Amino acid sequence: MELNFGRIIILVNDYDEAFDFYERTLSCKKFFDITENGQRFLHIGLNSNDKSGIWFHKAETDEQKARVGNQTSGLPLFVVYTNSICEYYEHLLNENVKITREPVEKEDSRFFHFQDLYGNEIVLVEMKTEVSQTN
């Protein structure tokens, strides 16, 4: 039996401003964008070969609106891996993205934290060595 992650859901105030941010900062692409019965389904991701990605959901209720940018109570929303952390760090600085934790160097990795346009915490990691995918 096989399982794969599909989409994580991020509450947003506006689909287009959210996509603009993720496209500019992480080079995300649209996988799926359709409106049916007044509801928009916008799925984005980093790589068209990867089945996982993000599904934006526009906050509509007061409770959902209060959670935009704080879906995880200040903990990271997700982790993105890269092979060039220095390049992405400079890119995010040039895009005026808020860095919340400066780059940290560990024995096996380098990482830093930044916020998306709503304040969700994202971690960008570069692994120095191959790490087992079975853990």
Protein backbone atom coordinates (compact mmCIF):
# COMPACT_ATOMS: atom_id res chain seq x y z
CA MET A 1 0.00 0.00 0.00
CA GLU A 2 1.38 3.41 -0.96
CA LEU A 3 0.64 6.82 0.54
CA ASN A 4 1.74 10.27 -0.64
CA PHE A 5 1.16 13.72 0.74
CA GLY A 6 -1.19 15.75 -1.41
CA ARG A 7 -1.76 19.38 -0.40
CA ILE A 8 -1.42 21.34 2.77
CA ILE A 9 -4.12 23.96 3.17
CA ILE A 10 -3.24 27.58 3.89
CA LEU A 11 -5.93 30.07 4.81
CA VAL A 12 -5.51 33.29 2.81
CA ASN A 13 -7.21 36.65 2.53
CA ASP A 14 -6.85 36.79 -1.24
CA TYR A 15 -5.93 34.04 -3.70
CA ASP A 16 -4.04 36.24 -6.14
CA GLU A 17 -1.93 38.10 -3.57
CA ALA A 18 -1.05 34.79 -1.92
CA PHE A 19 -0.04 33.23 -5.25
CA ASP A 20 1.98 36.34 -6.17
CA PHE A 21 3.98 36.04 -2.94
CA TYR A 22 4.68 32.32 -3.32
CA GLU A 23 5.52 32.69 -7.01
CA ARG A 24 7.96 35.56 -6.37
CA THR A 25 9.63 34.11 -3.30
CA LEU A 26 9.66 30.34 -3.88
CA SER A 27 9.05 30.14 -7.65
CA CYS A 28 5.80 28.23 -7.11
CA LYS A 29 3.68 27.33 -10.10
CA LYS A 30 -0.06 26.83 -10.42
CA PHE A 31 -1.02 23.16 -10.58
CA PHE A 32 -4.77 23.70 -10.61
CA ASP A 33 -6.90 26.85 -10.70
CA ILE A 34 -10.62 26.57 -11.25
CA THR A 35 -13.77 28.20 -9.91
CA GLU A 36 -16.85 26.03 -9.45
CA ASN A 37 -20.12 27.10 -7.84
CA GLY A 38 -18.52 30.31 -6.62
CA GLN A 39 -15.61 28.55 -4.89
CA ARG A 40 -12.07 28.84 -6.21
CA PHE A 41 -9.68 25.92 -6.04
CA LEU A 42 -6.08 27.13 -6.39
CA HIS A 43 -3.37 24.53 -5.88
CA ILE A 44 0.30 25.48 -6.23
CA GLY A 45 3.63 23.76 -5.85
CA LEU A 46 7.36 23.89 -6.30
CA ASN A 47 7.83 21.21 -8.92
CA SER A 48 5.33 19.83 -11.41
CA ASN A 49 6.86 16.36 -10.92
CA ASP A 50 5.97 16.44 -7.22
CA LYS A 51 2.42 15.54 -6.25
CA SER A 52 2.54 17.54 -3.02
CA GLY A 53 1.82 21.25 -2.81
CA ILE A 54 -0.33 23.96 -1.28
CA TRP A 55 -4.07 24.51 -1.58
CA PHE A 56 -5.09 28.07 -0.83
CA HIS A 57 -8.44 28.42 0.90
CA LYS A 58 -9.94 31.89 1.26
CA ALA A 59 -10.88 32.59 4.86
CA GLU A 60 -14.60 33.29 5.04
CA THR A 61 -15.80 32.85 8.61
CA ASP A 62 -14.65 35.07 11.46
CA GLU A 63 -12.79 32.11 12.98
CA GLN A 64 -10.98 31.40 9.71
CA LYS A 65 -10.12 35.08 9.24
CA ALA A 66 -8.62 35.16 12.74
CA ARG A 67 -6.39 32.19 11.81
CA VAL A 68 -4.91 33.67 8.62
CA GLY A 69 -1.17 33.90 9.28
CA ASN A 70 -1.45 31.99 12.54
CA GLN A 71 -2.64 28.52 11.65
CA THR A 72 0.04 26.86 13.79
CA SER A 73 0.20 29.30 16.74
CA GLY A 74 3.62 30.59 15.72
CA LEU A 75 5.19 27.24 14.89
CA PRO A 76 6.48 26.66 11.36
CA LEU A 77 3.77 25.94 8.82
CA PHE A 78 6.10 23.85 6.66
CA VAL A 79 9.73 23.20 5.70
CA VAL A 80 11.22 23.70 2.23
CA TYR A 81 14.48 22.04 1.22
CA THR A 82 16.98 23.65 -1.14
CA ASN A 83 20.45 22.99 -2.48
CA SER A 84 21.38 26.70 -2.31
CA ILE A 85 20.38 28.34 0.94
CA CYS A 86 22.64 31.37 0.43
CA GLU A 87 21.03 32.14 -2.92
CA TYR A 88 17.51 31.91 -1.49
CA TYR A 89 18.43 33.96 1.56
CA GLU A 90 19.64 36.81 -0.67
CA HIS A 91 16.61 36.43 -2.93
CA LEU A 92 14.20 36.72 0.01
CA LEU A 93 16.06 39.76 1.35
CA ASN A 94 15.77 41.39 -2.09
CA GLU A 95 12.02 40.66 -2.03
CA ASN A 96 11.78 42.35 1.40
CA VAL A 97 10.60 39.14 3.04
CA LYS A 98 10.74 39.15 6.83
CA ILE A 99 13.50 36.85 8.09
CA THR A 100 12.55 35.71 11.60
CA ARG A 101 15.55 33.53 12.36
CA GLU A 102 18.88 34.26 10.74
CA PRO A 103 20.80 31.40 9.11
CA VAL A 104 21.97 28.71 11.52
CA GLU A 105 24.80 26.34 10.71
CA LYS A 106 24.55 22.79 12.06
CA GLU A 107 26.79 19.79 11.46
CA ASP A 108 24.46 18.32 8.85
CA SER A 109 22.42 21.32 7.69
CA ARG A 110 21.92 25.05 7.38
CA PHE A 111 18.55 26.71 7.84
CA PHE A 112 16.69 29.95 8.47
CA HIS A 113 13.11 30.98 9.12
CA PHE A 114 11.02 33.54 7.24
CA GLN A 115 7.40 34.62 7.08
CA ASP A 116 4.98 34.58 4.21
CA LEU A 117 2.84 37.62 3.44
CA TYR A 118 0.42 36.76 6.26
CA GLY A 119 3.00 35.95 8.92
CA ASN A 120 3.09 32.15 8.59
CA GLU A 121 6.51 30.83 9.60
CA ILE A 122 8.39 28.84 6.94
CA VAL A 123 11.75 27.10 7.38
CA LEU A 124 14.22 26.85 4.51
CA VAL A 125 16.79 24.06 4.92
CA GLU A 126 19.87 22.95 3.03
CA MET A 127 21.11 19.50 3.97
CA LYS A 128 24.89 19.05 3.84
CA THR A 129 24.70 15.27 3.65
CA GLU A 130 22.17 12.83 2.32
CA VAL A 131 19.62 12.11 5.04
CA SER A 132 17.59 8.94 5.17
CA GLN A 133 14.06 9.42 3.84
CA THR A 134 12.78 6.52 5.96
CA ASN A 135 12.85 8.35 9.31
